[in-house]
N, C-alpha and C. Protein backbone atom coordinates (compact mmCIF):
# COMPACT_ATOMS: atom_id res chain seq x y z
N MET A 1 18.80 6.77 -1.63
CA MET A 1 17.40 6.43 -1.34
C MET A 1 17.22 6.08 0.13
N LEU A 2 18.11 5.22 0.64
CA LEU A 2 18.04 4.81 2.04
C LEU A 2 18.27 6.00 2.96
N TYR A 3 19.20 6.88 2.58
CA TYR A 3 19.50 8.06 3.39
C TYR A 3 18.27 8.96 3.50
N VAL A 4 17.60 9.18 2.39
CA VAL A 4 16.39 10.01 2.37
C VAL A 4 15.29 9.39 3.22
N LEU A 5 15.13 8.07 3.10
CA LEU A 5 14.11 7.35 3.85
C LEU A 5 14.35 7.45 5.35
N VAL A 6 15.60 7.27 5.76
CA VAL A 6 15.97 7.35 7.18
C VAL A 6 15.77 8.77 7.70
N THR A 7 16.14 9.76 6.89
CA THR A 7 15.97 11.17 7.29
C THR A 7 14.50 11.51 7.52
N MET A 8 13.63 11.07 6.61
CA MET A 8 12.20 11.33 6.76
C MET A 8 11.64 10.61 7.98
N MET A 9 12.11 9.40 8.24
CA MET A 9 11.64 8.64 9.39
C MET A 9 12.06 9.30 10.69
N ILE A 10 13.30 9.78 10.74
CA ILE A 10 13.79 10.49 11.93
C ILE A 10 12.97 11.76 12.15
N GLY A 11 12.70 12.47 11.06
CA GLY A 11 11.89 13.68 11.16
C GLY A 11 10.50 13.39 11.70
N PHE A 12 9.90 12.31 11.22
CA PHE A 12 8.56 11.93 11.70
C PHE A 12 8.59 11.55 13.17
N LEU A 13 9.58 10.76 13.58
CA LEU A 13 9.68 10.33 14.98
C LEU A 13 9.91 11.52 15.90
N ALA A 14 10.73 12.48 15.45
CA ALA A 14 10.99 13.68 16.26
C ALA A 14 9.72 14.50 16.42
N LEU A 15 8.97 14.65 15.33
CA LEU A 15 7.71 15.40 15.39
C LEU A 15 6.69 14.67 16.26
N THR A 16 6.66 13.35 16.17
CA THR A 16 5.74 12.54 16.99
C THR A 16 6.03 12.73 18.47
N ALA A 17 7.32 12.71 18.83
CA ALA A 17 7.71 12.90 20.23
C ALA A 17 7.31 14.29 20.71
N PHE A 18 7.52 15.28 19.85
CA PHE A 18 7.17 16.66 20.20
C PHE A 18 5.67 16.79 20.47
N VAL A 19 4.86 16.24 19.56
CA VAL A 19 3.40 16.31 19.69
C VAL A 19 2.92 15.52 20.90
N PHE A 20 3.57 14.40 21.18
CA PHE A 20 3.18 13.57 22.31
C PHE A 20 3.31 14.33 23.63
N PHE A 21 4.39 15.10 23.76
CA PHE A 21 4.63 15.84 25.01
C PHE A 21 4.03 17.24 25.00
N MET A 22 3.67 17.75 23.81
CA MET A 22 3.07 19.08 23.72
C MET A 22 1.89 19.03 22.73
N PRO A 23 0.76 18.46 23.15
CA PRO A 23 -0.39 18.29 22.25
C PRO A 23 -1.02 19.60 21.79
N VAL A 24 -0.90 20.66 22.58
CA VAL A 24 -1.44 21.97 22.19
C VAL A 24 -0.26 22.91 21.98
N PHE A 25 -0.10 23.38 20.73
CA PHE A 25 1.07 24.16 20.35
C PHE A 25 0.63 25.49 19.75
N LEU A 26 1.27 26.58 20.17
CA LEU A 26 0.86 27.93 19.75
C LEU A 26 0.89 28.10 18.23
N LEU A 27 1.94 27.59 17.57
CA LEU A 27 2.04 27.73 16.12
C LEU A 27 0.88 27.05 15.41
N ASP A 28 0.44 25.90 15.94
CA ASP A 28 -0.72 25.20 15.38
C ASP A 28 -1.96 26.10 15.40
N ARG A 29 -2.19 26.71 16.54
CA ARG A 29 -3.37 27.56 16.70
C ARG A 29 -3.32 28.77 15.78
N GLU A 30 -2.14 29.39 15.69
CA GLU A 30 -1.99 30.57 14.84
C GLU A 30 -2.17 30.22 13.36
N PHE A 31 -1.64 29.08 12.95
CA PHE A 31 -1.77 28.67 11.55
C PHE A 31 -3.23 28.37 11.22
N SER A 32 -3.94 27.72 12.14
CA SER A 32 -5.36 27.42 11.92
C SER A 32 -6.18 28.71 11.81
N GLU A 33 -5.86 29.69 12.64
CA GLU A 33 -6.56 30.97 12.58
C GLU A 33 -6.36 31.64 11.22
N GLU A 34 -5.13 31.58 10.71
CA GLU A 34 -4.84 32.17 9.40
C GLU A 34 -5.58 31.41 8.29
N ALA A 35 -5.57 30.08 8.38
CA ALA A 35 -6.21 29.25 7.35
C ALA A 35 -7.72 29.45 7.31
N GLN A 36 -8.31 29.76 8.47
CA GLN A 36 -9.76 29.89 8.55
C GLN A 36 -10.24 31.34 8.49
N GLU A 37 -9.31 32.26 8.27
CA GLU A 37 -9.65 33.68 8.32
C GLU A 37 -10.63 34.09 7.23
N HIS A 38 -10.51 33.50 6.05
CA HIS A 38 -11.36 33.91 4.92
C HIS A 38 -12.34 32.81 4.53
N GLN A 39 -12.95 32.19 5.52
CA GLN A 39 -13.91 31.12 5.25
C GLN A 39 -15.18 31.66 4.60
N ASN A 40 -15.74 30.86 3.70
CA ASN A 40 -17.04 31.18 3.09
C ASN A 40 -17.67 29.86 2.66
N PRO A 41 -18.99 29.84 2.43
CA PRO A 41 -19.68 28.58 2.09
C PRO A 41 -19.11 27.88 0.86
N GLN A 42 -18.70 28.65 -0.15
CA GLN A 42 -18.16 28.05 -1.37
C GLN A 42 -16.84 27.33 -1.10
N LEU A 43 -15.98 27.99 -0.33
CA LEU A 43 -14.69 27.38 0.01
C LEU A 43 -14.89 26.19 0.93
N ASP A 44 -15.87 26.28 1.83
CA ASP A 44 -16.21 25.14 2.70
C ASP A 44 -16.53 23.91 1.85
N THR A 45 -17.38 24.11 0.84
CA THR A 45 -17.78 23.00 -0.03
C THR A 45 -16.59 22.45 -0.81
N ALA A 46 -15.75 23.34 -1.32
CA ALA A 46 -14.58 22.92 -2.09
C ALA A 46 -13.62 22.09 -1.24
N MET A 47 -13.39 22.53 -0.01
CA MET A 47 -12.46 21.80 0.87
C MET A 47 -13.04 20.45 1.30
N LYS A 48 -14.36 20.39 1.45
CA LYS A 48 -15.01 19.11 1.76
C LYS A 48 -14.85 18.14 0.59
N MET A 49 -14.96 18.66 -0.63
CA MET A 49 -14.81 17.82 -1.82
C MET A 49 -13.38 17.28 -1.92
N VAL A 50 -12.40 18.12 -1.59
CA VAL A 50 -11.00 17.68 -1.62
C VAL A 50 -10.78 16.54 -0.64
N SER A 51 -11.40 16.63 0.53
CA SER A 51 -11.22 15.61 1.58
C SER A 51 -12.06 14.36 1.37
N TRP A 52 -13.02 14.42 0.47
CA TRP A 52 -14.00 13.34 0.28
C TRP A 52 -13.34 11.99 0.05
N PHE A 53 -12.28 11.94 -0.74
CA PHE A 53 -11.64 10.67 -1.10
C PHE A 53 -11.03 9.94 0.09
N GLY A 54 -10.76 10.67 1.17
CA GLY A 54 -10.06 10.05 2.30
C GLY A 54 -10.96 9.45 3.37
N TYR A 55 -12.27 9.62 3.24
CA TYR A 55 -13.18 9.07 4.24
C TYR A 55 -13.51 7.62 3.93
N MET A 56 -13.81 6.87 4.99
CA MET A 56 -14.30 5.51 4.83
C MET A 56 -15.80 5.57 4.51
N PRO A 57 -16.32 4.72 3.61
CA PRO A 57 -15.58 3.69 2.85
C PRO A 57 -15.04 4.19 1.51
N ASN A 58 -15.10 5.52 1.29
CA ASN A 58 -14.69 6.07 -0.01
C ASN A 58 -13.28 5.65 -0.41
N SER A 59 -12.35 5.76 0.56
CA SER A 59 -10.95 5.45 0.25
C SER A 59 -10.77 4.00 -0.18
N VAL A 60 -11.43 3.09 0.52
CA VAL A 60 -11.31 1.66 0.19
C VAL A 60 -11.91 1.38 -1.19
N ILE A 61 -13.07 1.98 -1.47
CA ILE A 61 -13.72 1.78 -2.77
C ILE A 61 -12.85 2.30 -3.91
N ILE A 62 -12.22 3.46 -3.70
CA ILE A 62 -11.35 4.05 -4.73
C ILE A 62 -10.15 3.16 -4.99
N VAL A 63 -9.53 2.66 -3.92
CA VAL A 63 -8.36 1.78 -4.08
C VAL A 63 -8.76 0.49 -4.81
N LEU A 64 -9.85 -0.14 -4.35
CA LEU A 64 -10.31 -1.39 -4.97
C LEU A 64 -10.68 -1.18 -6.44
N GLY A 65 -11.38 -0.09 -6.72
CA GLY A 65 -11.79 0.20 -8.09
C GLY A 65 -10.61 0.46 -9.01
N THR A 66 -9.63 1.22 -8.52
CA THR A 66 -8.44 1.52 -9.32
C THR A 66 -7.61 0.26 -9.55
N ALA A 67 -7.44 -0.53 -8.49
CA ALA A 67 -6.68 -1.78 -8.62
C ALA A 67 -7.36 -2.73 -9.61
N LEU A 68 -8.69 -2.81 -9.54
CA LEU A 68 -9.44 -3.66 -10.47
C LEU A 68 -9.22 -3.23 -11.91
N LEU A 69 -9.17 -1.93 -12.13
CA LEU A 69 -8.94 -1.39 -13.48
C LEU A 69 -7.57 -1.84 -14.01
N PHE A 70 -6.57 -1.81 -13.15
CA PHE A 70 -5.24 -2.25 -13.55
C PHE A 70 -5.22 -3.75 -13.83
N PHE A 71 -5.93 -4.51 -13.01
CA PHE A 71 -6.01 -5.96 -13.23
C PHE A 71 -6.66 -6.26 -14.58
N LEU A 72 -7.74 -5.54 -14.90
CA LEU A 72 -8.45 -5.76 -16.16
C LEU A 72 -7.58 -5.50 -17.38
N TYR A 73 -6.64 -4.56 -17.23
CA TYR A 73 -5.73 -4.24 -18.33
C TYR A 73 -4.40 -4.99 -18.22
N LYS A 74 -4.43 -6.08 -17.44
CA LYS A 74 -3.29 -7.01 -17.34
C LYS A 74 -2.08 -6.44 -16.60
N TYR A 75 -2.27 -5.40 -15.80
CA TYR A 75 -1.19 -4.89 -14.97
C TYR A 75 -1.38 -5.42 -13.55
N LYS A 76 -1.14 -6.73 -13.40
CA LYS A 76 -1.43 -7.40 -12.13
C LYS A 76 -0.51 -6.92 -11.01
N LYS A 77 0.77 -6.79 -11.32
CA LYS A 77 1.72 -6.35 -10.30
C LYS A 77 1.37 -4.96 -9.79
N GLU A 78 1.04 -4.06 -10.72
CA GLU A 78 0.65 -2.70 -10.36
C GLU A 78 -0.64 -2.70 -9.53
N GLY A 79 -1.59 -3.56 -9.90
CA GLY A 79 -2.83 -3.68 -9.14
C GLY A 79 -2.60 -4.13 -7.72
N LEU A 80 -1.70 -5.09 -7.54
CA LEU A 80 -1.38 -5.58 -6.20
C LEU A 80 -0.72 -4.50 -5.35
N PHE A 81 0.18 -3.75 -5.96
CA PHE A 81 0.84 -2.67 -5.21
C PHE A 81 -0.15 -1.58 -4.84
N LEU A 82 -1.11 -1.30 -5.72
CA LEU A 82 -2.15 -0.33 -5.38
C LEU A 82 -2.98 -0.81 -4.19
N LEU A 83 -3.29 -2.10 -4.17
CA LEU A 83 -4.02 -2.66 -3.03
C LEU A 83 -3.22 -2.52 -1.74
N SER A 84 -1.91 -2.64 -1.85
CA SER A 84 -1.05 -2.57 -0.66
C SER A 84 -1.03 -1.16 -0.05
N THR A 85 -1.49 -0.15 -0.80
CA THR A 85 -1.53 1.20 -0.24
C THR A 85 -2.53 1.30 0.91
N LEU A 86 -3.45 0.34 1.00
CA LEU A 86 -4.42 0.33 2.10
C LEU A 86 -3.76 0.15 3.45
N ILE A 87 -2.51 -0.36 3.45
CA ILE A 87 -1.80 -0.55 4.71
C ILE A 87 -1.56 0.79 5.40
N SER A 88 -1.60 1.87 4.63
CA SER A 88 -1.39 3.20 5.22
C SER A 88 -2.45 3.51 6.27
N GLY A 89 -3.68 3.04 6.06
CA GLY A 89 -4.74 3.26 7.03
C GLY A 89 -4.50 2.53 8.33
N ILE A 90 -3.96 1.32 8.24
CA ILE A 90 -3.66 0.53 9.43
C ILE A 90 -2.54 1.20 10.23
N ILE A 91 -1.48 1.61 9.52
CA ILE A 91 -0.36 2.28 10.19
C ILE A 91 -0.82 3.57 10.85
N SER A 92 -1.64 4.33 10.14
CA SER A 92 -2.16 5.58 10.67
C SER A 92 -2.95 5.36 11.96
N SER A 93 -3.81 4.36 11.97
CA SER A 93 -4.64 4.07 13.16
C SER A 93 -3.79 3.67 14.36
N ILE A 94 -2.73 2.89 14.11
CA ILE A 94 -1.85 2.45 15.19
C ILE A 94 -1.14 3.65 15.82
N VAL A 95 -0.59 4.53 14.97
CA VAL A 95 0.12 5.71 15.49
C VAL A 95 -0.84 6.63 16.23
N LYS A 96 -2.05 6.79 15.71
CA LYS A 96 -3.05 7.62 16.38
C LYS A 96 -3.34 7.12 17.79
N LEU A 97 -3.47 5.80 17.94
CA LEU A 97 -3.75 5.22 19.24
C LEU A 97 -2.60 5.43 20.21
N ILE A 98 -1.38 5.34 19.70
CA ILE A 98 -0.19 5.51 20.56
C ILE A 98 -0.06 6.95 21.03
N VAL A 99 -0.16 7.90 20.09
CA VAL A 99 0.03 9.31 20.43
C VAL A 99 -1.19 9.87 21.17
N ASN A 100 -2.40 9.45 20.72
CA ASN A 100 -3.66 9.82 21.39
C ASN A 100 -3.83 11.34 21.54
N ARG A 101 -3.56 12.06 20.48
CA ARG A 101 -3.71 13.51 20.51
C ARG A 101 -5.16 13.90 20.22
N PRO A 102 -5.75 14.77 21.04
CA PRO A 102 -7.14 15.19 20.81
C PRO A 102 -7.26 16.02 19.53
N ARG A 103 -8.44 15.98 18.94
CA ARG A 103 -8.72 16.82 17.77
C ARG A 103 -8.83 18.28 18.21
N PRO A 104 -8.66 19.22 17.26
CA PRO A 104 -8.91 20.63 17.59
C PRO A 104 -10.33 20.80 18.13
N SER A 105 -10.48 21.61 19.15
CA SER A 105 -11.79 21.79 19.78
C SER A 105 -12.46 23.06 19.28
N GLU A 106 -13.77 23.14 19.49
CA GLU A 106 -14.54 24.30 19.03
C GLU A 106 -14.19 25.56 19.80
N THR A 107 -13.53 25.42 20.93
CA THR A 107 -13.09 26.59 21.69
C THR A 107 -11.85 27.23 21.07
N LEU A 108 -11.15 26.48 20.20
CA LEU A 108 -9.91 26.97 19.61
C LEU A 108 -10.04 27.27 18.12
N VAL A 109 -10.84 26.46 17.40
CA VAL A 109 -11.01 26.66 15.95
C VAL A 109 -12.47 26.46 15.58
N ARG A 110 -12.81 26.85 14.36
CA ARG A 110 -14.16 26.59 13.85
C ARG A 110 -14.17 25.18 13.26
N ILE A 111 -15.03 24.33 13.77
CA ILE A 111 -15.12 22.94 13.30
C ILE A 111 -16.18 22.86 12.21
N ILE A 112 -15.75 22.67 10.97
CA ILE A 112 -16.68 22.54 9.85
C ILE A 112 -17.07 21.09 9.66
N GLU A 113 -16.12 20.19 9.90
CA GLU A 113 -16.38 18.75 9.79
C GLU A 113 -15.91 18.05 11.05
N LYS A 114 -16.85 17.45 11.77
CA LYS A 114 -16.50 16.75 13.00
C LYS A 114 -15.96 15.36 12.68
N THR A 115 -14.92 14.97 13.40
CA THR A 115 -14.29 13.67 13.21
C THR A 115 -14.14 12.97 14.55
N ARG A 116 -13.94 11.66 14.52
CA ARG A 116 -13.94 10.88 15.75
C ARG A 116 -12.56 10.45 16.22
N GLN A 117 -11.74 9.95 15.28
CA GLN A 117 -10.45 9.41 15.68
C GLN A 117 -9.52 10.48 16.24
N GLN A 118 -8.39 10.01 16.79
CA GLN A 118 -7.39 10.94 17.31
C GLN A 118 -6.79 11.77 16.18
N SER A 119 -6.07 12.82 16.56
CA SER A 119 -5.67 13.83 15.59
C SER A 119 -4.35 13.56 14.86
N PHE A 120 -3.35 13.03 15.56
CA PHE A 120 -2.01 12.88 14.97
C PHE A 120 -1.69 11.43 14.65
N PRO A 121 -1.20 11.18 13.43
CA PRO A 121 -1.06 12.07 12.27
C PRO A 121 -2.34 12.10 11.45
N SER A 122 -2.39 12.96 10.46
CA SER A 122 -3.58 13.05 9.61
C SER A 122 -3.67 11.83 8.70
N GLY A 123 -4.71 11.02 8.89
CA GLY A 123 -4.91 9.84 8.06
C GLY A 123 -5.21 10.21 6.61
N HIS A 124 -5.91 11.33 6.42
CA HIS A 124 -6.20 11.80 5.06
C HIS A 124 -4.90 12.07 4.30
N VAL A 125 -4.02 12.82 4.93
CA VAL A 125 -2.76 13.19 4.27
C VAL A 125 -1.93 11.95 3.97
N ILE A 126 -1.86 11.03 4.92
CA ILE A 126 -1.11 9.79 4.69
C ILE A 126 -1.68 9.04 3.49
N PHE A 127 -3.00 8.87 3.46
CA PHE A 127 -3.63 8.13 2.36
C PHE A 127 -3.39 8.82 1.02
N TYR A 128 -3.54 10.13 0.98
CA TYR A 128 -3.37 10.85 -0.28
C TYR A 128 -1.94 10.74 -0.78
N VAL A 129 -0.97 10.91 0.12
CA VAL A 129 0.44 10.82 -0.28
C VAL A 129 0.76 9.42 -0.80
N VAL A 130 0.29 8.40 -0.08
CA VAL A 130 0.62 7.01 -0.45
C VAL A 130 -0.13 6.56 -1.70
N PHE A 131 -1.45 6.66 -1.68
CA PHE A 131 -2.24 6.16 -2.82
C PHE A 131 -2.07 7.02 -4.07
N PHE A 132 -2.37 8.31 -3.94
CA PHE A 132 -2.28 9.18 -5.12
C PHE A 132 -0.83 9.37 -5.56
N GLY A 133 0.10 9.32 -4.60
CA GLY A 133 1.51 9.41 -4.96
C GLY A 133 1.96 8.21 -5.77
N PHE A 134 1.53 7.01 -5.35
CA PHE A 134 1.92 5.80 -6.07
C PHE A 134 1.24 5.74 -7.44
N LEU A 135 -0.02 6.18 -7.49
CA LEU A 135 -0.74 6.21 -8.77
C LEU A 135 -0.05 7.17 -9.74
N ALA A 136 0.42 8.30 -9.23
CA ALA A 136 1.15 9.26 -10.07
C ALA A 136 2.44 8.64 -10.59
N GLN A 137 3.12 7.87 -9.74
CA GLN A 137 4.34 7.20 -10.18
C GLN A 137 4.05 6.20 -11.30
N LEU A 138 2.95 5.45 -11.16
CA LEU A 138 2.58 4.48 -12.19
C LEU A 138 2.30 5.18 -13.53
N MET A 139 1.69 6.35 -13.46
CA MET A 139 1.44 7.11 -14.68
C MET A 139 2.75 7.54 -15.34
N PHE A 140 3.77 7.74 -14.53
CA PHE A 140 5.09 8.11 -15.05
C PHE A 140 5.81 6.89 -15.63
N GLU A 141 5.58 5.73 -15.02
CA GLU A 141 6.33 4.53 -15.39
C GLU A 141 5.74 3.78 -16.59
N ILE A 142 4.41 3.73 -16.69
CA ILE A 142 3.76 2.89 -17.71
C ILE A 142 3.60 3.67 -19.02
N ALA A 143 4.53 3.46 -19.92
CA ALA A 143 4.54 4.21 -21.18
C ALA A 143 3.39 3.80 -22.10
N ALA A 144 2.82 2.61 -21.89
CA ALA A 144 1.74 2.12 -22.76
C ALA A 144 0.44 2.91 -22.57
N VAL A 145 0.29 3.57 -21.44
CA VAL A 145 -0.90 4.39 -21.19
C VAL A 145 -0.78 5.66 -22.03
N PRO A 146 -1.85 6.07 -22.73
CA PRO A 146 -1.81 7.28 -23.55
C PRO A 146 -1.29 8.49 -22.76
N LYS A 147 -0.48 9.30 -23.41
CA LYS A 147 0.18 10.42 -22.75
C LYS A 147 -0.81 11.39 -22.10
N PHE A 148 -1.94 11.63 -22.77
CA PHE A 148 -2.94 12.56 -22.21
C PHE A 148 -3.48 12.04 -20.88
N ILE A 149 -3.77 10.74 -20.82
CA ILE A 149 -4.29 10.14 -19.58
C ILE A 149 -3.23 10.19 -18.50
N ARG A 150 -1.99 9.86 -18.85
CA ARG A 150 -0.90 9.89 -17.88
C ARG A 150 -0.73 11.28 -17.29
N ALA A 151 -0.74 12.29 -18.16
CA ALA A 151 -0.55 13.67 -17.71
C ALA A 151 -1.72 14.15 -16.86
N SER A 152 -2.94 13.81 -17.29
CA SER A 152 -4.14 14.25 -16.57
C SER A 152 -4.23 13.62 -15.19
N VAL A 153 -4.11 12.29 -15.14
CA VAL A 153 -4.21 11.57 -13.87
C VAL A 153 -3.08 11.98 -12.94
N GLY A 154 -1.87 12.06 -13.47
CA GLY A 154 -0.72 12.44 -12.66
C GLY A 154 -0.88 13.83 -12.07
N SER A 155 -1.37 14.77 -12.86
CA SER A 155 -1.56 16.15 -12.40
C SER A 155 -2.63 16.23 -11.31
N ILE A 156 -3.74 15.52 -11.52
CA ILE A 156 -4.82 15.51 -10.52
C ILE A 156 -4.32 14.91 -9.21
N CYS A 157 -3.57 13.83 -9.30
CA CYS A 157 -3.02 13.19 -8.10
C CYS A 157 -2.14 14.14 -7.31
N MET A 158 -1.23 14.82 -8.00
CA MET A 158 -0.31 15.74 -7.33
C MET A 158 -1.07 16.93 -6.73
N LEU A 159 -2.09 17.40 -7.44
CA LEU A 159 -2.89 18.52 -6.95
C LEU A 159 -3.60 18.14 -5.65
N LEU A 160 -4.19 16.95 -5.61
CA LEU A 160 -4.88 16.49 -4.40
C LEU A 160 -3.91 16.34 -3.24
N ILE A 161 -2.73 15.81 -3.51
CA ILE A 161 -1.73 15.61 -2.46
C ILE A 161 -1.35 16.92 -1.79
N PHE A 162 -1.21 17.97 -2.58
CA PHE A 162 -0.74 19.24 -2.02
C PHE A 162 -1.87 20.14 -1.51
N ILE A 163 -3.12 19.85 -1.89
CA ILE A 163 -4.24 20.65 -1.38
C ILE A 163 -4.83 20.06 -0.11
N VAL A 164 -4.81 18.73 0.03
CA VAL A 164 -5.49 18.10 1.16
C VAL A 164 -4.95 18.53 2.53
N PRO A 165 -3.65 18.81 2.70
CA PRO A 165 -3.20 19.27 4.02
C PRO A 165 -3.90 20.57 4.44
N PHE A 166 -4.00 21.52 3.50
CA PHE A 166 -4.69 22.77 3.80
C PHE A 166 -6.17 22.51 4.07
N SER A 167 -6.76 21.59 3.30
CA SER A 167 -8.17 21.24 3.48
C SER A 167 -8.46 20.77 4.90
N ARG A 168 -7.59 19.90 5.42
CA ARG A 168 -7.82 19.34 6.75
C ARG A 168 -7.72 20.40 7.84
N ILE A 169 -6.80 21.35 7.66
CA ILE A 169 -6.67 22.44 8.63
C ILE A 169 -7.85 23.40 8.49
N TYR A 170 -8.20 23.73 7.28
CA TYR A 170 -9.30 24.65 7.00
C TYR A 170 -10.61 24.14 7.60
N LEU A 171 -10.85 22.83 7.49
CA LEU A 171 -12.09 22.24 8.00
C LEU A 171 -12.10 22.08 9.52
N GLY A 172 -10.98 22.40 10.16
CA GLY A 172 -10.90 22.27 11.61
C GLY A 172 -10.70 20.85 12.09
N ALA A 173 -10.29 19.97 11.19
CA ALA A 173 -10.12 18.56 11.54
C ALA A 173 -8.73 18.26 12.09
N HIS A 174 -7.75 19.11 11.74
CA HIS A 174 -6.37 18.84 12.13
C HIS A 174 -5.60 20.12 12.40
N TRP A 175 -4.49 19.95 13.12
CA TRP A 175 -3.51 21.00 13.32
C TRP A 175 -2.43 20.91 12.23
N LEU A 176 -1.63 21.96 12.12
CA LEU A 176 -0.52 21.97 11.16
C LEU A 176 0.43 20.80 11.39
N THR A 177 0.77 20.54 12.65
CA THR A 177 1.70 19.45 12.95
C THR A 177 1.10 18.08 12.62
N ASP A 178 -0.22 17.97 12.64
CA ASP A 178 -0.88 16.71 12.25
C ASP A 178 -0.63 16.41 10.77
N VAL A 179 -0.81 17.44 9.93
CA VAL A 179 -0.65 17.22 8.49
C VAL A 179 0.82 17.08 8.12
N LEU A 180 1.71 17.76 8.84
CA LEU A 180 3.14 17.59 8.60
C LEU A 180 3.56 16.16 8.94
N GLY A 181 3.06 15.66 10.06
CA GLY A 181 3.34 14.28 10.45
C GLY A 181 2.79 13.30 9.43
N GLY A 182 1.58 13.56 8.94
CA GLY A 182 0.98 12.70 7.93
C GLY A 182 1.78 12.71 6.64
N PHE A 183 2.28 13.89 6.27
CA PHE A 183 3.07 14.01 5.04
C PHE A 183 4.38 13.23 5.16
N LEU A 184 5.06 13.36 6.29
CA LEU A 184 6.33 12.66 6.48
C LEU A 184 6.13 11.14 6.50
N LEU A 185 5.15 10.68 7.28
CA LEU A 185 4.90 9.24 7.36
C LEU A 185 4.42 8.71 6.01
N GLY A 186 3.60 9.48 5.33
CA GLY A 186 3.13 9.08 4.00
C GLY A 186 4.28 8.93 3.02
N LEU A 187 5.23 9.85 3.08
CA LEU A 187 6.40 9.78 2.19
C LEU A 187 7.26 8.56 2.49
N VAL A 188 7.38 8.22 3.77
CA VAL A 188 8.15 7.02 4.15
C VAL A 188 7.50 5.77 3.56
N ILE A 189 6.18 5.66 3.71
CA ILE A 189 5.46 4.49 3.17
C ILE A 189 5.53 4.48 1.65
N LEU A 190 5.31 5.64 1.03
CA LEU A 190 5.34 5.74 -0.43
C LEU A 190 6.72 5.37 -0.98
N ALA A 191 7.77 5.90 -0.36
CA ALA A 191 9.13 5.60 -0.82
C ALA A 191 9.44 4.12 -0.72
N THR A 192 8.95 3.49 0.35
CA THR A 192 9.16 2.04 0.53
C THR A 192 8.45 1.25 -0.56
N LEU A 193 7.18 1.59 -0.81
CA LEU A 193 6.41 0.91 -1.86
C LEU A 193 7.03 1.13 -3.24
N ALA A 194 7.46 2.36 -3.50
CA ALA A 194 8.06 2.69 -4.80
C ALA A 194 9.35 1.90 -5.01
N TYR A 195 10.15 1.81 -3.95
CA TYR A 195 11.40 1.05 -4.05
C TYR A 195 11.13 -0.42 -4.34
N LEU A 196 10.18 -1.01 -3.61
CA LEU A 196 9.85 -2.43 -3.81
C LEU A 196 9.27 -2.67 -5.21
N TYR A 197 8.43 -1.74 -5.66
CA TYR A 197 7.84 -1.87 -6.99
C TYR A 197 8.90 -1.81 -8.09
N LEU A 198 9.77 -0.82 -8.01
CA LEU A 198 10.81 -0.67 -9.03
C LEU A 198 11.79 -1.84 -9.02
N LYS A 199 12.08 -2.33 -7.82
CA LYS A 199 12.98 -3.48 -7.71
C LYS A 199 12.36 -4.71 -8.39
N LYS A 200 11.08 -4.95 -8.11
CA LYS A 200 10.39 -6.10 -8.72
C LYS A 200 10.25 -5.90 -10.22
N ARG A 201 10.00 -4.69 -10.64
CA ARG A 201 9.85 -4.39 -12.07
C ARG A 201 11.16 -4.59 -12.82
N ASN A 202 12.26 -4.16 -12.22
CA ASN A 202 13.57 -4.32 -12.85
C ASN A 202 13.97 -5.79 -12.95
N ILE A 203 13.61 -6.57 -11.93
CA ILE A 203 13.90 -8.01 -11.96
C ILE A 203 13.13 -8.67 -13.11
N ALA A 204 11.86 -8.28 -13.26
CA ALA A 204 11.03 -8.84 -14.34
C ALA A 204 11.58 -8.45 -15.71
N LEU A 205 12.03 -7.21 -15.86
CA LEU A 205 12.60 -6.75 -17.13
C LEU A 205 13.88 -7.50 -17.46
N HIS A 206 14.69 -7.74 -16.42
CA HIS A 206 15.95 -8.46 -16.61
C HIS A 206 15.69 -9.90 -17.06
N ARG A 207 14.68 -10.52 -16.48
CA ARG A 207 14.33 -11.90 -16.87
C ARG A 207 13.86 -11.96 -18.32
N ASN A 208 13.09 -10.95 -18.72
CA ASN A 208 12.59 -10.92 -20.10
C ASN A 208 13.73 -10.75 -21.11
N GLU A 209 14.76 -9.99 -20.70
CA GLU A 209 15.91 -9.78 -21.58
C GLU A 209 16.72 -11.06 -21.73
N VAL A 210 16.80 -11.83 -20.65
CA VAL A 210 17.54 -13.09 -20.68
C VAL A 210 16.76 -14.13 -21.46
């Protein structure tokens, strides 16, 4: 677990250094051109819907609402860990300020959705990986939840995680390296939260057995 975590962190730091010294990269431009080649109004709407959960205040409302639901069903520990996924937004903002990479410009890509913050890493991708990834894990861990709900929620979470990177590039909000950086950093945060959650859960189970 630690080896995987360190490897992902090294990968993220290496990519961050690369982007810092080379903010405009040919592969990024070529990938964006390919992603936007078959744009149409219907796909525009679909990609906007995929990204909807990651905008403020939507993301905060979703986290608070989901955590409240867990609290109501007496899963307090799980609710607290879901609330802690909001830290991903703080970490994302700090890295964005440090790297200070400009967003894709209208001279290079078609901008369907204009955004304000810096480009690297993708805050949407980080949030989706951390929040929806942790929610998917909870669906796997909590056997008391009906199997249909666990399977449905888990599948939707994984689908959003893997579609949102393409969505951000398609909408002209990010480069390929932005979403890769967001995915790596998101996995680091998710793995850390998952480790802490499982450790606390195992301690609680051990106490109950004693």
